[in-house]
Each structure stands twice: as C-alpha cells, then as structure tokens.
Amino acid sequence: MKTLLLTLMVVTIVCLDLGYTLVCLGGSGPYKDVVCAKDQTICYRYIVWPFKSRVTIMRGCTSSCPERNNHVCCSTDRCNK
C-alpha cells in the first residue's frame, strides 16, 4: 500500500507543472486572482472611459506591455492593484 501511494505521489509531481506562474488581478471588478499562461509574464492595469462620467479599470495578464499613457505594467504577483 505504501508503495502504491509513493508511486502515485511521484507520478503526480512529475505530471504537474511545478514551474513558476505569475498571478495577476484580473477583470474589471470585483478583481480576482488570475493565473497567467506561461508566455504571459506581465500584469497590466489600464483605465477606460466608456462614458464621460464613468471610469473602468481593466486588469489582467499579457505577454507585452502596450506603449500607451493609461497602461501600467509590472511583473510580480498581484502587482496590478
């Protein structure tokens, strides 16, 4: 029995991706943790004005940071608060 459990544990560890994945806040509110894909190494936050009196802040993962004034990019977990 112990051998079976040990074998299952080893197989699980080998099959799982134990590499680091970035966690960003995602969506437009309420914000939730989003696990980024391997190629997405940047968290972003940007402001959208859909109407004159309403501001929406978008957050998520990306592979490159857009070069725009209203975009903020960073590369640590949950840094896009």
PDB file of N, CA and C in Angstrom:
ATOM      1  N   MET A   1       0.826  -1.200   0.000  1.00  0.00           N
ATOM      2  CA  MET A   1       0.000   0.000   0.000  1.00  0.00           C
ATOM      3  C   MET A   1       0.868   1.261   0.000  1.00  0.00           C
ATOM      4  N   LYS A   2       1.923   1.239   0.825  1.00  0.00           N
ATOM      5  CA  LYS A   2       2.815   2.398   0.867  1.00  0.00           C
ATOM      6  C   LYS A   2       3.495   2.607  -0.479  1.00  0.00           C
ATOM      7  N   THR A   3       3.853   1.518  -1.131  1.00  0.00           N
ATOM      8  CA  THR A   3       4.500   1.616  -2.441  1.00  0.00           C
ATOM      9  C   THR A   3       3.558   2.236  -3.466  1.00  0.00           C
ATOM     10  N   LEU A   4       2.310   1.860  -3.429  1.00  0.00           N
ATOM     11  CA  LEU A   4       1.321   2.421  -4.346  1.00  0.00           C
ATOM     12  C   LEU A   4       1.156   3.919  -4.110  1.00  0.00           C
ATOM     13  N   LEU A   5       1.042   4.330  -2.864  1.00  0.00           N
ATOM     14  CA  LEU A   5       0.902   5.754  -2.551  1.00  0.00           C
ATOM     15  C   LEU A   5       2.134   6.535  -2.978  1.00  0.00           C
ATOM     16  N   LEU A   6       3.302   5.987  -2.728  1.00  0.00           N
ATOM     17  CA  LEU A   6       4.537   6.654  -3.126  1.00  0.00           C
ATOM     18  C   LEU A   6       4.615   6.783  -4.647  1.00  0.00           C
ATOM     19  N   THR A   7       4.234   5.742  -5.350  1.00  0.00           N
ATOM     20  CA  THR A   7       4.233   5.778  -6.812  1.00  0.00           C
ATOM     21  C   THR A   7       3.261   6.825  -7.334  1.00  0.00           C
ATOM     22  N   LEU A   8       2.074   6.879  -6.775  1.00  0.00           N
ATOM     23  CA  LEU A   8       1.087   7.888  -7.188  1.00  0.00           C
ATOM     24  C   LEU A   8       1.585   9.294  -6.908  1.00  0.00           C
ATOM     25  N   MET A   9       2.244   9.484  -5.794  1.00  0.00           N
ATOM     26  CA  MET A   9       2.767  10.798  -5.448  1.00  0.00           C
ATOM     27  C   MET A   9       3.852  11.223  -6.438  1.00  0.00           C
ATOM     28  N   VAL A  10       4.745  10.320  -6.784  1.00  0.00           N
ATOM     29  CA  VAL A  10       5.813  10.629  -7.738  1.00  0.00           C
ATOM     30  C   VAL A  10       5.229  10.949  -9.110  1.00  0.00           C
ATOM     31  N   VAL A  11       4.263  10.172  -9.555  1.00  0.00           N
ATOM     32  CA  VAL A  11       3.623  10.418 -10.851  1.00  0.00           C
ATOM     33  C   VAL A  11       2.929  11.776 -10.848  1.00  0.00           C
ATOM     34  N   THR A  12       2.264  12.112  -9.771  1.00  0.00           N
ATOM     35  CA  THR A  12       1.586  13.406  -9.665  1.00  0.00           C
ATOM     36  C   THR A  12       2.581  14.549  -9.753  1.00  0.00           C
ATOM     37  N   ILE A  13       3.674  14.453  -9.044  1.00  0.00           N
ATOM     38  CA  ILE A  13       4.684  15.516  -9.059  1.00  0.00           C
ATOM     39  C   ILE A  13       5.296  15.655 -10.446  1.00  0.00           C
ATOM     40  N   VAL A  14       5.568  14.552 -11.104  1.00  0.00           N
ATOM     41  CA  VAL A  14       6.164  14.595 -12.439  1.00  0.00           C
ATOM     42  C   VAL A  14       5.191  15.191 -13.448  1.00  0.00           C
ATOM     43  N   CYS A  15       3.922  14.870 -13.328  1.00  0.00           N
ATOM     44  CA  CYS A  15       2.921  15.339 -14.291  1.00  0.00           C
ATOM     45  C   CYS A  15       2.544  16.797 -14.089  1.00  0.00           C
ATOM     46  N   LEU A  16       2.634  17.287 -12.874  1.00  0.00           N
ATOM     47  CA  LEU A  16       2.284  18.671 -12.607  1.00  0.00           C
ATOM     48  C   LEU A  16       3.382  19.593 -13.093  1.00  0.00           C
ATOM     49  N   ASP A  17       3.001  20.756 -13.527  1.00  0.00           N
ATOM     50  CA  ASP A  17       3.978  21.771 -13.887  1.00  0.00           C
ATOM     51  C   ASP A  17       4.349  22.503 -12.612  1.00  0.00           C
ATOM     52  N   LEU A  18       5.522  22.260 -12.092  1.00  0.00           N
ATOM     53  CA  LEU A  18       5.933  22.888 -10.842  1.00  0.00           C
ATOM     54  C   LEU A  18       6.685  24.191 -11.080  1.00  0.00           C
ATOM     55  N   GLY A  19       6.710  24.668 -12.315  1.00  0.00           N
ATOM     56  CA  GLY A  19       7.372  25.922 -12.622  1.00  0.00           C
ATOM     57  C   GLY A  19       6.575  27.102 -12.093  1.00  0.00           C
ATOM     58  N   TYR A  20       7.225  28.250 -12.035  1.00  0.00           N
ATOM     59  CA  TYR A  20       6.587  29.450 -11.514  1.00  0.00           C
ATOM     60  C   TYR A  20       5.610  30.010 -12.533  1.00  0.00           C
ATOM     61  N   THR A  21       4.432  30.379 -12.080  1.00  0.00           N
ATOM     62  CA  THR A  21       3.473  31.082 -12.925  1.00  0.00           C
ATOM     63  C   THR A  21       3.063  32.363 -12.216  1.00  0.00           C
ATOM     64  N   LEU A  22       2.937  33.411 -12.972  1.00  0.00           N
ATOM     65  CA  LEU A  22       2.580  34.717 -12.448  1.00  0.00           C
ATOM     66  C   LEU A  22       1.098  34.756 -12.094  1.00  0.00           C
ATOM     67  N   VAL A  23       0.772  35.443 -11.008  1.00  0.00           N
ATOM     68  CA  VAL A  23      -0.619  35.636 -10.597  1.00  0.00           C
ATOM     69  C   VAL A  23      -0.902  37.131 -10.626  1.00  0.00           C
ATOM     70  N   CYS A  24      -1.887  37.525 -11.421  1.00  0.00           N
ATOM     71  CA  CYS A  24      -2.286  38.928 -11.523  1.00  0.00           C
ATOM     72  C   CYS A  24      -3.738  39.067 -11.078  1.00  0.00           C
ATOM     73  N   LEU A  25      -4.140  40.289 -10.781  1.00  0.00           N
ATOM     74  CA  LEU A  25      -5.554  40.566 -10.580  1.00  0.00           C
ATOM     75  C   LEU A  25      -6.170  40.700 -11.962  1.00  0.00           C
ATOM     76  N   GLY A  26      -7.380  40.177 -12.141  1.00  0.00           N
ATOM     77  CA  GLY A  26      -7.981  40.193 -13.462  1.00  0.00           C
ATOM     78  C   GLY A  26      -9.393  40.719 -13.467  1.00  0.00           C
ATOM     79  N   GLY A  27      -9.826  41.198 -14.630  1.00  0.00           N
ATOM     80  CA  GLY A  27     -11.189  41.665 -14.816  1.00  0.00           C
ATOM     81  C   GLY A  27     -11.336  43.159 -14.632  1.00  0.00           C
ATOM     82  N   SER A  28     -12.598  43.573 -14.527  1.00  0.00           N
ATOM     83  CA  SER A  28     -12.890  44.997 -14.354  1.00  0.00           C
ATOM     84  C   SER A  28     -13.577  45.253 -13.023  1.00  0.00           C
ATOM     85  N   GLY A  29     -13.596  44.282 -12.146  1.00  0.00           N
ATOM     86  CA  GLY A  29     -14.149  44.425 -10.810  1.00  0.00           C
ATOM     87  C   GLY A  29     -15.407  43.606 -10.634  1.00  0.00           C
ATOM     88  N   PRO A  30     -15.575  42.925  -9.533  1.00  0.00           N
ATOM     89  CA  PRO A  30     -14.574  42.776  -8.472  1.00  0.00           C
ATOM     90  C   PRO A  30     -13.396  41.950  -8.984  1.00  0.00           C
ATOM     91  N   TYR A  31     -12.209  42.338  -8.568  1.00  0.00           N
ATOM     92  CA  TYR A  31     -10.997  41.720  -9.090  1.00  0.00           C
ATOM     93  C   TYR A  31     -10.742  40.377  -8.435  1.00  0.00           C
ATOM     94  N   LYS A  32     -10.307  39.419  -9.248  1.00  0.00           N
ATOM     95  CA  LYS A  32      -9.999  38.071  -8.771  1.00  0.00           C
ATOM     96  C   LYS A  32      -8.603  37.697  -9.237  1.00  0.00           C
ATOM     97  N   ASP A  33      -7.975  36.769  -8.522  1.00  0.00           N
ATOM     98  CA  ASP A  33      -6.670  36.276  -8.935  1.00  0.00           C
ATOM     99  C   ASP A  33      -6.797  35.501 -10.238  1.00  0.00           C
ATOM    100  N   VAL A  34      -5.880  35.770 -11.153  1.00  0.00           N
ATOM    101  CA  VAL A  34      -5.818  35.075 -12.431  1.00  0.00           C
ATOM    102  C   VAL A  34      -4.423  34.476 -12.553  1.00  0.00           C
ATOM    103  N   VAL A  35      -4.340  33.184 -12.806  1.00  0.00           N
ATOM    104  CA  VAL A  35      -3.047  32.542 -13.047  1.00  0.00           C
ATOM    105  C   VAL A  35      -2.727  32.729 -14.525  1.00  0.00           C
ATOM    106  N   CYS A  36      -1.623  33.402 -14.797  1.00  0.00           N
ATOM    107  CA  CYS A  36      -1.258  33.728 -16.173  1.00  0.00           C
ATOM    108  C   CYS A  36      -0.705  32.507 -16.900  1.00  0.00           C
ATOM    109  N   ALA A  37      -0.859  32.512 -18.205  1.00  0.00           N
ATOM    110  CA  ALA A  37      -0.260  31.468 -19.042  1.00  0.00           C
ATOM    111  C   ALA A  37       1.262  31.613 -18.999  1.00  0.00           C
ATOM    112  N   LYS A  38       1.967  30.561 -19.386  1.00  0.00           N
ATOM    113  CA  LYS A  38       3.431  30.576 -19.306  1.00  0.00           C
ATOM    114  C   LYS A  38       4.053  31.724 -20.092  1.00  0.00           C
ATOM    115  N   ASP A  39       3.478  32.068 -21.245  1.00  0.00           N
ATOM    116  CA  ASP A  39       4.053  33.130 -22.066  1.00  0.00           C
ATOM    117  C   ASP A  39       3.630  34.526 -21.620  1.00  0.00           C
ATOM    118  N   GLN A  40       2.744  34.623 -20.657  1.00  0.00           N
ATOM    119  CA  GLN A  40       2.295  35.919 -20.148  1.00  0.00           C
ATOM    120  C   GLN A  40       3.039  36.218 -18.851  1.00  0.00           C
ATOM    121  N   THR A  41       4.028  37.086 -18.939  1.00  0.00           N
ATOM    122  CA  THR A  41       4.903  37.369 -17.803  1.00  0.00           C
ATOM    123  C   THR A  41       4.725  38.776 -17.252  1.00  0.00           C
ATOM    124  N   ILE A  42       3.663  39.448 -17.673  1.00  0.00           N
ATOM    125  CA  ILE A  42       3.431  40.832 -17.259  1.00  0.00           C
ATOM    126  C   ILE A  42       1.986  40.994 -16.795  1.00  0.00           C
ATOM    127  N   CYS A  43       1.812  41.707 -15.680  1.00  0.00           N
ATOM    128  CA  CYS A  43       0.477  42.120 -15.237  1.00  0.00           C
ATOM    129  C   CYS A  43       0.236  43.529 -15.773  1.00  0.00           C
ATOM    130  N   TYR A  44      -1.000  43.833 -16.152  1.00  0.00           N
ATOM    131  CA  TYR A  44      -1.306  45.178 -16.639  1.00  0.00           C
ATOM    132  C   TYR A  44      -2.507  45.752 -15.904  1.00  0.00           C
ATOM    133  N   ARG A  45      -2.591  47.065 -15.961  1.00  0.00           N
ATOM    134  CA  ARG A  45      -3.750  47.799 -15.450  1.00  0.00           C
ATOM    135  C   ARG A  45      -3.911  49.010 -16.359  1.00  0.00           C
ATOM    136  N   TYR A  46      -5.118  49.223 -16.838  1.00  0.00           N
ATOM    137  CA  TYR A  46      -5.345  50.432 -17.621  1.00  0.00           C
ATOM    138  C   TYR A  46      -6.749  50.956 -17.389  1.00  0.00           C
ATOM    139  N   ILE A  47      -6.890  52.232 -17.662  1.00  0.00           N
ATOM    140  CA  ILE A  47      -8.142  52.945 -17.401  1.00  0.00           C
ATOM    141  C   ILE A  47      -8.880  53.151 -18.716  1.00  0.00           C
ATOM    142  N   VAL A  48     -10.174  52.873 -18.680  1.00  0.00           N
ATOM    143  CA  VAL A  48     -11.044  53.066 -19.841  1.00  0.00           C
ATOM    144  C   VAL A  48     -12.159  54.015 -19.424  1.00  0.00           C
ATOM    145  N   TRP A  49     -12.496  54.950 -20.285  1.00  0.00           N
ATOM    146  CA  TRP A  49     -13.617  55.854 -20.038  1.00  0.00           C
ATOM    147  C   TRP A  49     -14.724  55.535 -21.037  1.00  0.00           C
ATOM    148  N   PRO A  50     -15.592  54.554 -20.721  1.00  0.00           N
ATOM    149  CA  PRO A  50     -16.655  54.220 -21.672  1.00  0.00           C
ATOM    150  C   PRO A  50     -17.689  55.340 -21.798  1.00  0.00           C
ATOM    151  N   PHE A  51     -17.855  56.096 -20.737  1.00  0.00           N
ATOM    152  CA  PHE A  51     -18.758  57.246 -20.728  1.00  0.00           C
ATOM    153  C   PHE A  51     -18.039  58.378 -20.014  1.00  0.00           C
ATOM    154  N   LYS A  52     -18.450  59.592 -20.244  1.00  0.00           N
ATOM    155  CA  LYS A  52     -17.769  60.736 -19.636  1.00  0.00           C
ATOM    156  C   LYS A  52     -17.760  60.681 -18.116  1.00  0.00           C
ATOM    157  N   SER A  53     -18.815  60.174 -17.530  1.00  0.00           N
ATOM    158  CA  SER A  53     -18.914  60.188 -16.067  1.00  0.00           C
ATOM    159  C   SER A  53     -18.504  58.865 -15.417  1.00  0.00           C
ATOM    160  N   ARG A  54     -18.042  57.894 -16.208  1.00  0.00           N
ATOM    161  CA  ARG A  54     -17.721  56.580 -15.645  1.00  0.00           C
ATOM    162  C   ARG A  54     -16.312  56.143 -16.047  1.00  0.00           C
ATOM    163  N   VAL A  55     -15.557  55.705 -15.053  1.00  0.00           N
ATOM    164  CA  VAL A  55     -14.203  55.210 -15.284  1.00  0.00           C
ATOM    165  C   VAL A  55     -14.181  53.717 -14.975  1.00  0.00           C
ATOM    166  N   THR A  56     -13.588  52.928 -15.845  1.00  0.00           N
ATOM    167  CA  THR A  56     -13.432  51.493 -15.626  1.00  0.00           C
ATOM    168  C   THR A  56     -11.946  51.164 -15.658  1.00  0.00           C
ATOM    169  N   ILE A  57     -11.493  50.397 -14.679  1.00  0.00           N
ATOM    170  CA  ILE A  57     -10.097  49.972 -14.637  1.00  0.00           C
ATOM    171  C   ILE A  57     -10.045  48.493 -15.004  1.00  0.00           C
ATOM    172  N   MET A  58      -9.303  48.171 -16.041  1.00  0.00           N
ATOM    173  CA  MET A  58      -9.144  46.793 -16.514  1.00  0.00           C
ATOM    174  C   MET A  58      -7.814  46.250 -16.011  1.00  0.00           C
ATOM    175  N   ARG A  59      -7.807  44.974 -15.613  1.00  0.00           N
ATOM    176  CA  ARG A  59      -6.594  44.331 -15.109  1.00  0.00           C
ATOM    177  C   ARG A  59      -6.485  42.928 -15.675  1.00  0.00           C
ATOM    178  N   GLY A  60      -5.240  42.422 -15.803  1.00  0.00           N
ATOM    179  CA  GLY A  60      -5.049  41.061 -16.274  1.00  0.00           C
ATOM    180  C   GLY A  60      -3.601  40.743 -16.595  1.00  0.00           C
ATOM    181  N   CYS A  61      -3.399  39.675 -17.376  1.00  0.00           N
ATOM    182  CA  CYS A  61      -2.078  39.187 -17.780  1.00  0.00           C
ATOM    183  C   CYS A  61      -1.842  39.509 -19.251  1.00  0.00           C
ATOM    184  N   THR A  62      -0.584  39.699 -19.607  1.00  0.00           N
ATOM    185  CA  THR A  62      -0.236  39.929 -21.002  1.00  0.00           C
ATOM    186  C   THR A  62       1.199  39.479 -21.258  1.00  0.00           C
ATOM    187  N   SER A  63       1.543  39.332 -22.519  1.00  0.00           N
ATOM    188  CA  SER A  63       2.910  38.949 -22.863  1.00  0.00           C
ATOM    189  C   SER A  63       3.776  40.158 -23.194  1.00  0.00           C
ATOM    190  N   SER A  64       3.149  41.293 -23.491  1.00  0.00           N
ATOM    191  CA  SER A  64       3.905  42.525 -23.741  1.00  0.00           C
ATOM    192  C   SER A  64       3.079  43.716 -23.277  1.00  0.00           C
ATOM    193  N   CYS A  65       3.774  44.749 -22.876  1.00  0.00           N
ATOM    194  CA  CYS A  65       3.095  45.934 -22.344  1.00  0.00           C
ATOM    195  C   CYS A  65       2.830  46.933 -23.467  1.00  0.00           C
ATOM    196  N   PRO A  66       1.573  47.319 -23.681  1.00  0.00           N
ATOM    197  CA  PRO A  66       1.270  48.330 -24.696  1.00  0.00           C
ATOM    198  C   PRO A  66       1.899  49.677 -24.323  1.00  0.00           C
ATOM    199  N   GLU A  67       2.385  50.376 -25.310  1.00  0.00           N
ATOM    200  CA  GLU A  67       3.031  51.666 -25.061  1.00  0.00           C
ATOM    201  C   GLU A  67       1.987  52.777 -25.143  1.00  0.00           C
ATOM    202  N   ARG A  68       1.161  52.853 -24.129  1.00  0.00           N
ATOM    203  CA  ARG A  68       0.130  53.890 -24.072  1.00  0.00           C
ATOM    204  C   ARG A  68       0.198  54.570 -22.721  1.00  0.00           C
ATOM    205  N   ASN A  69      -0.277  55.785 -22.657  1.00  0.00           N
ATOM    206  CA  ASN A  69      -0.189  56.571 -21.424  1.00  0.00           C
ATOM    207  C   ASN A  69      -1.002  55.995 -20.278  1.00  0.00           C
ATOM    208  N   ASN A  70      -2.137  55.397 -20.555  1.00  0.00           N
ATOM    209  CA  ASN A  70      -3.015  54.939 -19.484  1.00  0.00           C
ATOM    210  C   ASN A  70      -2.755  53.491 -19.072  1.00  0.00           C
ATOM    211  N   HIS A  71      -1.662  52.866 -19.555  1.00  0.00           N
ATOM    212  CA  HIS A  71      -1.310  51.489 -19.191  1.00  0.00           C
ATOM    213  C   HIS A  71      -0.203  51.482 -18.142  1.00  0.00           C
ATOM    214  N   VAL A  72      -0.359  50.640 -17.131  1.00  0.00           N
ATOM    215  CA  VAL A  72       0.683  50.407 -16.138  1.00  0.00           C
ATOM    216  C   VAL A  72       0.991  48.919 -16.178  1.00  0.00           C
ATOM    217  N   CYS A  73       2.274  48.567 -16.289  1.00  0.00           N
ATOM    218  CA  CYS A  73       2.678  47.164 -16.355  1.00  0.00           C
ATOM    219  C   CYS A  73       3.692  46.856 -15.263  1.00  0.00           C
ATOM    220  N   CYS A  74       3.687  45.611 -14.782  1.00  0.00           N
ATOM    221  CA  CYS A  74       4.603  45.169 -13.737  1.00  0.00           C
ATOM    222  C   CYS A  74       4.753  43.658 -13.843  1.00  0.00           C
ATOM    223  N   SER A  75       5.677  43.080 -13.086  1.00  0.00           N
ATOM    224  CA  SER A  75       5.960  41.658 -13.289  1.00  0.00           C
ATOM    225  C   SER A  75       6.097  40.850 -12.001  1.00  0.00           C
ATOM    226  N   THR A  76       5.410  41.262 -10.944  1.00  0.00           N
ATOM    227  CA  THR A  76       5.389  40.468  -9.718  1.00  0.00           C
ATOM    228  C   THR A  76       3.941  40.107  -9.390  1.00  0.00           C
ATOM    229  N   ASP A  77       3.748  39.108  -8.556  1.00  0.00           N
ATOM    230  CA  ASP A  77       2.398  38.649  -8.226  1.00  0.00           C
ATOM    231  C   ASP A  77       1.524  39.773  -7.673  1.00  0.00           C
ATOM    232  N   ARG A  78       0.320  39.895  -8.235  1.00  0.00           N
ATOM    233  CA  ARG A  78      -0.705  40.856  -7.803  1.00  0.00           C
ATOM    234  C   ARG A  78      -0.191  42.301  -7.736  1.00  0.00           C
ATOM    235  N   CYS A  79       0.730  42.644  -8.608  1.00  0.00           N
ATOM    236  CA  CYS A  79       1.299  43.998  -8.588  1.00  0.00           C
ATOM    237  C   CYS A  79       0.408  45.014  -9.295  1.00  0.00           C
ATOM    238  N   ASN A  80      -0.649  44.574  -9.958  1.00  0.00           N
ATOM    239  CA  ASN A  80      -1.510  45.489 -10.715  1.00  0.00           C
ATOM    240  C   ASN A  80      -2.734  45.927  -9.911  1.00  0.00           C
ATOM    241  N   LYS A  81      -2.529  46.220  -8.639  1.00  0.00           N
ATOM    242  CA  LYS A  81      -3.630  46.670  -7.764  1.00  0.00           C
ATOM    243  C   LYS A  81      -4.103  48.046  -8.155  1.00  0.00           C
TER     244      LYS A  81
END
